[in-house]
All heavy atoms as atom14 arrays in JSON, in Angstrom:
{
  "sequence": "QKAIGPSLLHALMLMRLYTDSFHESVALVTSSWSGVTLDEGRRREREM",
  "atom14_mask": [
    [1, 1, 1, 1, 1, 1, 1, 1, 1, 0, 0, 0, 0, 0],
    [1, 1, 1, 1, 1, 1, 1, 1, 1, 0, 0, 0, 0, 0],
    [1, 1, 1, 1, 1, 0, 0, 0, 0, 0, 0, 0, 0, 0],
    [1, 1, 1, 1, 1, 1, 1, 1, 0, 0, 0, 0, 0, 0],
    [1, 1, 1, 1, 0, 0, 0, 0, 0, 0, 0, 0, 0, 0],
    [1, 1, 1, 1, 1, 1, 1, 0, 0, 0, 0, 0, 0, 0],
    [1, 1, 1, 1, 1, 1, 0, 0, 0, 0, 0, 0, 0, 0],
    [1, 1, 1, 1, 1, 1, 1, 1, 0, 0, 0, 0, 0, 0],
    [1, 1, 1, 1, 1, 1, 1, 1, 0, 0, 0, 0, 0, 0],
    [1, 1, 1, 1, 1, 1, 1, 1, 1, 1, 0, 0, 0, 0],
    [1, 1, 1, 1, 1, 0, 0, 0, 0, 0, 0, 0, 0, 0],
    [1, 1, 1, 1, 1, 1, 1, 1, 0, 0, 0, 0, 0, 0],
    [1, 1, 1, 1, 1, 1, 1, 1, 0, 0, 0, 0, 0, 0],
    [1, 1, 1, 1, 1, 1, 1, 1, 0, 0, 0, 0, 0, 0],
    [1, 1, 1, 1, 1, 1, 1, 1, 0, 0, 0, 0, 0, 0],
    [1, 1, 1, 1, 1, 1, 1, 1, 1, 1, 1, 0, 0, 0],
    [1, 1, 1, 1, 1, 1, 1, 1, 0, 0, 0, 0, 0, 0],
    [1, 1, 1, 1, 1, 1, 1, 1, 1, 1, 1, 1, 0, 0],
    [1, 1, 1, 1, 1, 1, 1, 0, 0, 0, 0, 0, 0, 0],
    [1, 1, 1, 1, 1, 1, 1, 1, 0, 0, 0, 0, 0, 0],
    [1, 1, 1, 1, 1, 1, 0, 0, 0, 0, 0, 0, 0, 0],
    [1, 1, 1, 1, 1, 1, 1, 1, 1, 1, 1, 0, 0, 0],
    [1, 1, 1, 1, 1, 1, 1, 1, 1, 1, 0, 0, 0, 0],
    [1, 1, 1, 1, 1, 1, 1, 1, 1, 0, 0, 0, 0, 0],
    [1, 1, 1, 1, 1, 1, 0, 0, 0, 0, 0, 0, 0, 0],
    [1, 1, 1, 1, 1, 1, 1, 0, 0, 0, 0, 0, 0, 0],
    [1, 1, 1, 1, 1, 0, 0, 0, 0, 0, 0, 0, 0, 0],
    [1, 1, 1, 1, 1, 1, 1, 1, 0, 0, 0, 0, 0, 0],
    [1, 1, 1, 1, 1, 1, 1, 0, 0, 0, 0, 0, 0, 0],
    [1, 1, 1, 1, 1, 1, 1, 0, 0, 0, 0, 0, 0, 0],
    [1, 1, 1, 1, 1, 1, 0, 0, 0, 0, 0, 0, 0, 0],
    [1, 1, 1, 1, 1, 1, 0, 0, 0, 0, 0, 0, 0, 0],
    [1, 1, 1, 1, 1, 1, 1, 1, 1, 1, 1, 1, 1, 1],
    [1, 1, 1, 1, 1, 1, 0, 0, 0, 0, 0, 0, 0, 0],
    [1, 1, 1, 1, 0, 0, 0, 0, 0, 0, 0, 0, 0, 0],
    [1, 1, 1, 1, 1, 1, 1, 0, 0, 0, 0, 0, 0, 0],
    [1, 1, 1, 1, 1, 1, 1, 0, 0, 0, 0, 0, 0, 0],
    [1, 1, 1, 1, 1, 1, 1, 1, 0, 0, 0, 0, 0, 0],
    [1, 1, 1, 1, 1, 1, 1, 1, 0, 0, 0, 0, 0, 0],
    [1, 1, 1, 1, 1, 1, 1, 1, 1, 0, 0, 0, 0, 0],
    [1, 1, 1, 1, 0, 0, 0, 0, 0, 0, 0, 0, 0, 0],
    [1, 1, 1, 1, 1, 1, 1, 1, 1, 1, 1, 0, 0, 0],
    [1, 1, 1, 1, 1, 1, 1, 1, 1, 1, 1, 0, 0, 0],
    [1, 1, 1, 1, 1, 1, 1, 1, 1, 1, 1, 0, 0, 0],
    [1, 1, 1, 1, 1, 1, 1, 1, 1, 0, 0, 0, 0, 0],
    [1, 1, 1, 1, 1, 1, 1, 1, 1, 1, 1, 0, 0, 0],
    [1, 1, 1, 1, 1, 1, 1, 1, 1, 0, 0, 0, 0, 0],
    [1, 1, 1, 1, 1, 1, 1, 1, 0, 0, 0, 0, 0, 0]
  ],
  "atom14_positions": [
    [[128.16, 232.91, 51.14], [129.61, 232.82, 51.29], [130.33, 233.89, 50.48], [131.4, 234.33, 50.84], [130.1, 231.43, 50.85], [129.59, 230.3, 51.72], [130.19, 230.3, 53.11], [131.26, 230.86, 53.34], [129.49, 229.71, 54.06], [0.0, 0.0, 0.0], [0.0, 0.0, 0.0], [0.0, 0.0, 0.0], [0.0, 0.0, 0.0], [0.0, 0.0, 0.0]],
    [[129.73, 234.28, 49.36], [130.38, 235.23, 48.45], [129.98, 236.66, 48.76], [128.92, 236.92, 49.31], [129.97, 234.94, 47.01], [130.46, 233.61, 46.5], [130.02, 233.46, 45.07], [130.45, 232.13, 44.49], [130.02, 231.99, 43.11], [0.0, 0.0, 0.0], [0.0, 0.0, 0.0], [0.0, 0.0, 0.0], [0.0, 0.0, 0.0], [0.0, 0.0, 0.0]],
    [[130.84, 237.56, 48.36], [130.5, 238.98, 48.41], [129.55, 239.27, 47.26], [129.29, 238.42, 46.42], [131.77, 239.82, 48.29], [0.0, 0.0, 0.0], [0.0, 0.0, 0.0], [0.0, 0.0, 0.0], [0.0, 0.0, 0.0], [0.0, 0.0, 0.0], [0.0, 0.0, 0.0], [0.0, 0.0, 0.0], [0.0, 0.0, 0.0], [0.0, 0.0, 0.0]],
    [[129.04, 240.48, 47.22], [128.11, 240.83, 46.14], [128.83, 240.83, 44.8], [130.04, 241.05, 44.73], [127.41, 242.17, 46.4], [128.41, 243.31, 46.4], [126.63, 242.13, 47.69], [127.75, 244.65, 46.43], [0.0, 0.0, 0.0], [0.0, 0.0, 0.0], [0.0, 0.0, 0.0], [0.0, 0.0, 0.0], [0.0, 0.0, 0.0], [0.0, 0.0, 0.0]],
    [[128.07, 240.59, 43.75], [128.64, 240.48, 42.41], [128.8, 241.82, 41.72], [128.34, 242.86, 42.19], [0.0, 0.0, 0.0], [0.0, 0.0, 0.0], [0.0, 0.0, 0.0], [0.0, 0.0, 0.0], [0.0, 0.0, 0.0], [0.0, 0.0, 0.0], [0.0, 0.0, 0.0], [0.0, 0.0, 0.0], [0.0, 0.0, 0.0], [0.0, 0.0, 0.0]],
    [[129.44, 241.78, 40.55], [129.72, 243.01, 39.81], [128.47, 243.76, 39.36], [128.48, 244.98, 39.3], [130.54, 242.52, 38.61], [130.26, 241.07, 38.5], [129.95, 240.59, 39.88], [0.0, 0.0, 0.0], [0.0, 0.0, 0.0], [0.0, 0.0, 0.0], [0.0, 0.0, 0.0], [0.0, 0.0, 0.0], [0.0, 0.0, 0.0], [0.0, 0.0, 0.0]],
    [[127.4, 243.04, 39.07], [126.2, 243.73, 38.59], [125.59, 244.6, 39.67], [125.07, 245.68, 39.39], [125.17, 242.71, 38.1], [125.68, 242.03, 36.97], [0.0, 0.0, 0.0], [0.0, 0.0, 0.0], [0.0, 0.0, 0.0], [0.0, 0.0, 0.0], [0.0, 0.0, 0.0], [0.0, 0.0, 0.0], [0.0, 0.0, 0.0], [0.0, 0.0, 0.0]],
    [[125.63, 244.15, 40.92], [125.12, 244.97, 42.01], [125.97, 246.23, 42.18], [125.45, 247.31, 42.45], [125.1, 244.18, 43.32], [123.87, 243.33, 43.53], [124.02, 242.47, 44.78], [122.62, 244.16, 43.61], [0.0, 0.0, 0.0], [0.0, 0.0, 0.0], [0.0, 0.0, 0.0], [0.0, 0.0, 0.0], [0.0, 0.0, 0.0], [0.0, 0.0, 0.0]],
    [[127.26, 246.08, 42.0], [128.13, 247.27, 42.08], [127.76, 248.27, 40.99], [127.68, 249.46, 41.23], [129.6, 246.86, 41.96], [130.14, 246.02, 43.11], [131.57, 245.6, 42.81], [130.07, 246.77, 44.42], [0.0, 0.0, 0.0], [0.0, 0.0, 0.0], [0.0, 0.0, 0.0], [0.0, 0.0, 0.0], [0.0, 0.0, 0.0], [0.0, 0.0, 0.0]],
    [[127.52, 247.76, 39.78], [127.12, 248.65, 38.68], [125.77, 249.31, 38.97], [125.58, 250.48, 38.66], [127.07, 247.87, 37.36], [128.42, 247.48, 36.86], [128.8, 246.17, 36.75], [129.49, 248.22, 36.49], [130.05, 246.12, 36.3], [130.49, 247.35, 36.14], [0.0, 0.0, 0.0], [0.0, 0.0, 0.0], [0.0, 0.0, 0.0], [0.0, 0.0, 0.0]],
    [[124.84, 248.55, 39.53], [123.53, 249.11, 39.85], [123.67, 250.24, 40.86], [123.05, 251.3, 40.71], [122.61, 248.02, 40.39], [0.0, 0.0, 0.0], [0.0, 0.0, 0.0], [0.0, 0.0, 0.0], [0.0, 0.0, 0.0], [0.0, 0.0, 0.0], [0.0, 0.0, 0.0], [0.0, 0.0, 0.0], [0.0, 0.0, 0.0], [0.0, 0.0, 0.0]],
    [[124.48, 250.04, 41.88], [124.68, 251.09, 42.87], [125.31, 252.33, 42.25], [124.93, 253.46, 42.56], [125.53, 250.59, 44.03], [124.79, 249.76, 45.05], [125.77, 249.1, 46.02], [123.78, 250.58, 45.81], [0.0, 0.0, 0.0], [0.0, 0.0, 0.0], [0.0, 0.0, 0.0], [0.0, 0.0, 0.0], [0.0, 0.0, 0.0], [0.0, 0.0, 0.0]],
    [[126.28, 252.13, 41.38], [126.91, 253.28, 40.74], [125.92, 254.02, 39.85], [125.91, 255.25, 39.8], [128.13, 252.84, 39.93], [129.27, 252.29, 40.79], [129.75, 253.4, 42.14], [129.03, 252.64, 43.57], [0.0, 0.0, 0.0], [0.0, 0.0, 0.0], [0.0, 0.0, 0.0], [0.0, 0.0, 0.0], [0.0, 0.0, 0.0], [0.0, 0.0, 0.0]],
    [[125.05, 253.29, 39.19], [124.0, 253.91, 38.37], [123.07, 254.74, 39.25], [122.73, 255.88, 38.94], [123.21, 252.82, 37.63], [121.94, 253.26, 36.93], [122.27, 254.14, 35.73], [121.13, 252.05, 36.49], [0.0, 0.0, 0.0], [0.0, 0.0, 0.0], [0.0, 0.0, 0.0], [0.0, 0.0, 0.0], [0.0, 0.0, 0.0], [0.0, 0.0, 0.0]],
    [[122.65, 254.17, 40.38], [121.71, 254.86, 41.26], [122.31, 256.12, 41.87], [121.59, 257.04, 42.23], [121.23, 253.91, 42.34], [120.32, 252.85, 41.8], [119.86, 251.73, 43.1], [119.27, 250.38, 42.12], [0.0, 0.0, 0.0], [0.0, 0.0, 0.0], [0.0, 0.0, 0.0], [0.0, 0.0, 0.0], [0.0, 0.0, 0.0], [0.0, 0.0, 0.0]],
    [[123.6, 256.12, 41.96], [124.28, 257.3, 42.51], [123.94, 258.56, 41.71], [123.88, 259.66, 42.25], [125.78, 257.04, 42.48], [126.58, 258.06, 43.17], [128.04, 257.66, 43.13], [128.76, 258.53, 44.02], [130.0, 258.38, 44.34], [130.69, 257.38, 43.85], [130.59, 259.22, 45.16], [0.0, 0.0, 0.0], [0.0, 0.0, 0.0], [0.0, 0.0, 0.0]],
    [[123.68, 258.39, 40.42], [123.33, 259.52, 39.55], [121.96, 260.1, 39.88], [121.67, 261.24, 39.54], [123.35, 259.08, 38.08], [124.65, 258.53, 37.54], [124.45, 257.96, 36.14], [125.74, 259.59, 37.56], [0.0, 0.0, 0.0], [0.0, 0.0, 0.0], [0.0, 0.0, 0.0], [0.0, 0.0, 0.0], [0.0, 0.0, 0.0], [0.0, 0.0, 0.0]],
    [[121.11, 259.32, 40.52], [119.72, 259.72, 40.75], [119.41, 260.05, 42.22], [118.26, 260.24, 42.56], [118.78, 258.61, 40.27], [118.85, 258.39, 38.78], [119.71, 257.46, 38.23], [118.07, 259.16, 37.92], [119.78, 257.26, 36.86], [118.14, 258.98, 36.55], [119.0, 258.04, 36.03], [119.07, 257.85, 34.68], [0.0, 0.0, 0.0], [0.0, 0.0, 0.0]],
    [[120.42, 260.05, 43.08], [120.18, 260.21, 44.51], [121.06, 261.32, 45.07], [122.25, 261.36, 44.79], [120.52, 258.9, 45.26], [119.87, 257.82, 44.61], [120.08, 258.95, 46.7], [0.0, 0.0, 0.0], [0.0, 0.0, 0.0], [0.0, 0.0, 0.0], [0.0, 0.0, 0.0], [0.0, 0.0, 0.0], [0.0, 0.0, 0.0], [0.0, 0.0, 0.0]],
    [[120.48, 262.19, 45.87], [121.26, 263.18, 46.61], [121.9, 262.5, 47.8], [121.34, 261.57, 48.36], [120.38, 264.33, 47.09], [119.8, 265.14, 45.95], [120.4, 265.14, 44.85], [118.74, 265.76, 46.15], [0.0, 0.0, 0.0], [0.0, 0.0, 0.0], [0.0, 0.0, 0.0], [0.0, 0.0, 0.0], [0.0, 0.0, 0.0], [0.0, 0.0, 0.0]],
    [[123.05, 262.97, 48.23], [123.79, 262.4, 49.37], [123.7, 260.88, 49.36], [123.2, 260.25, 50.28], [123.29, 262.99, 50.69], [121.92, 262.73, 50.89], [0.0, 0.0, 0.0], [0.0, 0.0, 0.0], [0.0, 0.0, 0.0], [0.0, 0.0, 0.0], [0.0, 0.0, 0.0], [0.0, 0.0, 0.0], [0.0, 0.0, 0.0], [0.0, 0.0, 0.0]],
    [[124.24, 260.32, 48.3], [124.06, 258.9, 47.99], [124.43, 257.96, 49.12], [123.63, 257.14, 49.54], [124.86, 258.56, 46.72], [124.81, 257.11, 46.36], [123.66, 256.57, 45.82], [125.89, 256.29, 46.58], [123.6, 255.23, 45.49], [125.85, 254.96, 46.25], [124.69, 254.43, 45.7], [0.0, 0.0, 0.0], [0.0, 0.0, 0.0], [0.0, 0.0, 0.0]],
    [[125.65, 258.02, 49.61], [126.11, 257.02, 50.58], [125.27, 256.99, 51.84], [124.99, 255.91, 52.37], [127.59, 257.23, 50.9], [128.48, 256.96, 49.73], [128.72, 255.68, 49.26], [129.15, 257.79, 48.91], [129.52, 255.75, 48.21], [129.79, 257.02, 47.97], [0.0, 0.0, 0.0], [0.0, 0.0, 0.0], [0.0, 0.0, 0.0], [0.0, 0.0, 0.0]],
    [[124.82, 258.14, 52.3], [123.98, 258.18, 53.49], [122.59, 257.61, 53.21], [121.85, 257.29, 54.13], [123.84, 259.62, 54.01], [125.13, 260.22, 54.51], [125.94, 260.88, 53.39], [125.47, 260.98, 52.24], [127.08, 261.29, 53.67], [0.0, 0.0, 0.0], [0.0, 0.0, 0.0], [0.0, 0.0, 0.0], [0.0, 0.0, 0.0], [0.0, 0.0, 0.0]],
    [[122.24, 257.48, 51.93], [120.92, 256.98, 51.54], [120.92, 255.51, 51.18], [119.96, 255.02, 50.62], [120.41, 257.78, 50.33], [120.37, 259.15, 50.62], [0.0, 0.0, 0.0], [0.0, 0.0, 0.0], [0.0, 0.0, 0.0], [0.0, 0.0, 0.0], [0.0, 0.0, 0.0], [0.0, 0.0, 0.0], [0.0, 0.0, 0.0], [0.0, 0.0, 0.0]],
    [[122.01, 254.82, 51.49], [122.1, 253.39, 51.2], [122.09, 252.61, 52.51], [122.88, 252.88, 53.41], [123.39, 253.05, 50.4], [123.52, 251.54, 50.21], [123.38, 253.76, 49.06], [0.0, 0.0, 0.0], [0.0, 0.0, 0.0], [0.0, 0.0, 0.0], [0.0, 0.0, 0.0], [0.0, 0.0, 0.0], [0.0, 0.0, 0.0], [0.0, 0.0, 0.0]],
    [[121.16, 251.65, 52.58], [121.11, 250.72, 53.71], [121.63, 249.38, 53.23], [121.11, 248.81, 52.27], [119.68, 250.58, 54.22], [0.0, 0.0, 0.0], [0.0, 0.0, 0.0], [0.0, 0.0, 0.0], [0.0, 0.0, 0.0], [0.0, 0.0, 0.0], [0.0, 0.0, 0.0], [0.0, 0.0, 0.0], [0.0, 0.0, 0.0], [0.0, 0.0, 0.0]],
    [[122.7, 248.9, 53.85], [123.27, 247.59, 53.55], [122.61, 246.61, 54.51], [122.9, 246.62, 55.71], [124.79, 247.62, 53.73], [125.52, 248.7, 52.92], [126.96, 248.84, 53.38], [125.45, 248.37, 51.44], [0.0, 0.0, 0.0], [0.0, 0.0, 0.0], [0.0, 0.0, 0.0], [0.0, 0.0, 0.0], [0.0, 0.0, 0.0], [0.0, 0.0, 0.0]],
    [[121.7, 245.8, 53.99], [120.84, 244.99, 54.84], [121.21, 243.52, 54.74], [121.26, 242.97, 53.63], [119.36, 245.18, 54.43], [118.45, 244.29, 55.23], [118.97, 246.65, 54.58], [0.0, 0.0, 0.0], [0.0, 0.0, 0.0], [0.0, 0.0, 0.0], [0.0, 0.0, 0.0], [0.0, 0.0, 0.0], [0.0, 0.0, 0.0], [0.0, 0.0, 0.0]],
    [[121.46, 242.9, 55.88], [121.71, 241.47, 55.9], [120.4, 240.76, 56.24], [119.67, 241.16, 57.14], [122.8, 241.08, 56.91], [122.47, 241.61, 58.19], [124.15, 241.61, 56.47], [0.0, 0.0, 0.0], [0.0, 0.0, 0.0], [0.0, 0.0, 0.0], [0.0, 0.0, 0.0], [0.0, 0.0, 0.0], [0.0, 0.0, 0.0], [0.0, 0.0, 0.0]],
    [[120.1, 239.72, 55.46], [118.86, 238.95, 55.64], [119.22, 237.5, 55.91], [120.39, 237.13, 56.0], [118.02, 239.05, 54.36], [118.71, 238.45, 53.27], [0.0, 0.0, 0.0], [0.0, 0.0, 0.0], [0.0, 0.0, 0.0], [0.0, 0.0, 0.0], [0.0, 0.0, 0.0], [0.0, 0.0, 0.0], [0.0, 0.0, 0.0], [0.0, 0.0, 0.0]],
    [[118.2, 236.67, 56.05], [118.35, 235.22, 56.22], [119.11, 234.84, 57.5], [119.87, 233.88, 57.51], [119.03, 234.6, 55.0], [118.35, 234.92, 53.83], [0.0, 0.0, 0.0], [0.0, 0.0, 0.0], [0.0, 0.0, 0.0], [0.0, 0.0, 0.0], [0.0, 0.0, 0.0], [0.0, 0.0, 0.0], [0.0, 0.0, 0.0], [0.0, 0.0, 0.0]],
    [[118.87, 235.57, 58.56], [119.54, 235.28, 59.83], [119.12, 233.94, 60.41], [119.86, 233.35, 61.19], [119.31, 236.43, 60.82], [120.23, 237.57, 60.55], [120.05, 238.57, 59.65], [121.5, 237.8, 61.15], [121.13, 239.42, 59.65], [122.04, 238.97, 60.57], [122.24, 237.14, 62.13], [123.28, 239.48, 60.93], [123.47, 237.65, 62.49], [123.97, 238.81, 61.9]],
    [[117.95, 233.46, 60.03], [117.52, 232.15, 60.55], [118.34, 231.01, 59.97], [118.31, 229.9, 60.49], [116.03, 231.93, 60.26], [115.8, 231.92, 58.86], [0.0, 0.0, 0.0], [0.0, 0.0, 0.0], [0.0, 0.0, 0.0], [0.0, 0.0, 0.0], [0.0, 0.0, 0.0], [0.0, 0.0, 0.0], [0.0, 0.0, 0.0], [0.0, 0.0, 0.0]],
    [[119.12, 231.28, 58.92], [119.93, 230.24, 58.28], [121.32, 230.08, 58.87], [122.1, 229.25, 58.41], [0.0, 0.0, 0.0], [0.0, 0.0, 0.0], [0.0, 0.0, 0.0], [0.0, 0.0, 0.0], [0.0, 0.0, 0.0], [0.0, 0.0, 0.0], [0.0, 0.0, 0.0], [0.0, 0.0, 0.0], [0.0, 0.0, 0.0], [0.0, 0.0, 0.0]],
    [[121.65, 230.89, 59.87], [122.97, 230.8, 60.51], [122.81, 230.94, 62.01], [121.8, 231.46, 62.49], [123.94, 231.91, 60.0], [124.24, 231.77, 58.53], [123.39, 233.3, 60.3], [0.0, 0.0, 0.0], [0.0, 0.0, 0.0], [0.0, 0.0, 0.0], [0.0, 0.0, 0.0], [0.0, 0.0, 0.0], [0.0, 0.0, 0.0], [0.0, 0.0, 0.0]],
    [[123.81, 230.47, 62.75], [123.8, 230.72, 64.19], [124.13, 232.19, 64.4], [124.72, 232.84, 63.52], [124.84, 229.85, 64.92], [126.15, 230.24, 64.5], [124.6, 228.36, 64.67], [0.0, 0.0, 0.0], [0.0, 0.0, 0.0], [0.0, 0.0, 0.0], [0.0, 0.0, 0.0], [0.0, 0.0, 0.0], [0.0, 0.0, 0.0], [0.0, 0.0, 0.0]],
    [[123.78, 232.72, 65.55], [124.06, 234.12, 65.84], [125.56, 234.4, 65.77], [125.98, 235.42, 65.21], [123.48, 234.52, 67.2], [123.57, 235.99, 67.56], [122.89, 236.86, 66.5], [122.94, 236.25, 68.92], [0.0, 0.0, 0.0], [0.0, 0.0, 0.0], [0.0, 0.0, 0.0], [0.0, 0.0, 0.0], [0.0, 0.0, 0.0], [0.0, 0.0, 0.0]],
    [[126.37, 233.49, 66.32], [127.83, 233.69, 66.29], [128.35, 233.69, 64.86], [129.19, 234.52, 64.5], [128.55, 232.6, 67.1], [128.38, 232.79, 68.6], [128.04, 233.92, 69.02], [128.59, 231.82, 69.35], [0.0, 0.0, 0.0], [0.0, 0.0, 0.0], [0.0, 0.0, 0.0], [0.0, 0.0, 0.0], [0.0, 0.0, 0.0], [0.0, 0.0, 0.0]],
    [[127.87, 232.77, 64.02], [128.28, 232.71, 62.62], [127.86, 233.99, 61.89], [128.63, 234.56, 61.12], [127.67, 231.49, 61.94], [128.01, 231.35, 60.47], [129.46, 231.01, 60.18], [130.22, 230.7, 61.11], [129.84, 231.08, 59.0], [0.0, 0.0, 0.0], [0.0, 0.0, 0.0], [0.0, 0.0, 0.0], [0.0, 0.0, 0.0], [0.0, 0.0, 0.0]],
    [[126.63, 234.43, 62.13], [126.15, 235.66, 61.51], [126.98, 236.87, 61.91], [127.33, 237.69, 61.06], [0.0, 0.0, 0.0], [0.0, 0.0, 0.0], [0.0, 0.0, 0.0], [0.0, 0.0, 0.0], [0.0, 0.0, 0.0], [0.0, 0.0, 0.0], [0.0, 0.0, 0.0], [0.0, 0.0, 0.0], [0.0, 0.0, 0.0], [0.0, 0.0, 0.0]],
    [[127.3, 236.97, 63.17], [128.13, 238.09, 63.64], [129.52, 238.06, 62.99], [130.07, 239.09, 62.62], [128.27, 238.05, 65.15], [127.03, 238.48, 65.88], [127.22, 238.39, 67.37], [126.02, 238.82, 68.06], [125.71, 238.45, 69.29], [126.52, 237.65, 69.97], [124.62, 238.89, 69.85], [0.0, 0.0, 0.0], [0.0, 0.0, 0.0], [0.0, 0.0, 0.0]],
    [[130.09, 236.85, 62.87], [131.41, 236.71, 62.25], [131.34, 237.17, 60.79], [132.18, 237.94, 60.33], [131.89, 235.26, 62.32], [133.3, 235.06, 61.74], [133.73, 233.6, 61.7], [132.89, 232.78, 60.85], [132.92, 232.78, 59.51], [133.73, 233.59, 58.87], [132.11, 231.99, 58.81], [0.0, 0.0, 0.0], [0.0, 0.0, 0.0], [0.0, 0.0, 0.0]],
    [[130.31, 236.73, 60.07], [130.18, 237.13, 58.66], [129.91, 238.62, 58.53], [130.41, 239.27, 57.61], [129.07, 236.32, 57.99], [129.48, 234.88, 57.79], [128.45, 234.13, 57.02], [128.87, 232.75, 56.87], [128.13, 231.82, 56.34], [126.92, 232.12, 55.87], [128.56, 230.6, 56.23], [0.0, 0.0, 0.0], [0.0, 0.0, 0.0], [0.0, 0.0, 0.0]],
    [[129.14, 239.15, 59.43], [128.86, 240.59, 59.42], [130.16, 241.37, 59.6], [130.4, 242.35, 58.9], [127.88, 240.88, 60.56], [127.13, 242.16, 60.48], [126.09, 242.24, 61.59], [126.39, 241.88, 62.75], [124.97, 242.67, 61.28], [0.0, 0.0, 0.0], [0.0, 0.0, 0.0], [0.0, 0.0, 0.0], [0.0, 0.0, 0.0], [0.0, 0.0, 0.0]],
    [[130.98, 240.93, 60.54], [132.29, 241.57, 60.78], [133.16, 241.49, 59.52], [133.79, 242.47, 59.13], [133.0, 240.89, 61.95], [133.31, 241.79, 63.09], [134.11, 241.14, 64.21], [134.19, 239.69, 64.26], [133.35, 238.9, 64.93], [132.36, 239.42, 65.62], [133.5, 237.6, 64.93], [0.0, 0.0, 0.0], [0.0, 0.0, 0.0], [0.0, 0.0, 0.0]],
    [[133.18, 240.31, 58.89], [133.96, 240.13, 57.66], [133.47, 241.07, 56.57], [134.28, 241.63, 55.82], [133.85, 238.69, 57.16], [134.61, 237.69, 57.98], [134.35, 236.25, 57.53], [133.52, 236.04, 56.6], [134.95, 235.34, 58.13], [0.0, 0.0, 0.0], [0.0, 0.0, 0.0], [0.0, 0.0, 0.0], [0.0, 0.0, 0.0], [0.0, 0.0, 0.0]],
    [[132.15, 241.24, 56.49], [131.6, 242.1, 55.45], [132.1, 243.54, 55.6], [132.35, 244.23, 54.62], [130.07, 242.09, 55.48], [129.47, 240.78, 55.06], [127.7, 240.76, 55.38], [127.1, 241.16, 53.75], [0.0, 0.0, 0.0], [0.0, 0.0, 0.0], [0.0, 0.0, 0.0], [0.0, 0.0, 0.0], [0.0, 0.0, 0.0], [0.0, 0.0, 0.0]]
  ]
}
């Protein structure tokens, strides 16, 4: 239900120092699709 926390944001900012073309090298991956209906998952994906 929640967005990612502050520590993940800090981790990503830290990794930015060690990666070329940072944003293109980040995959935002949604998991646990079996825990929601497809419609609910799509709605949450859109919200994200």
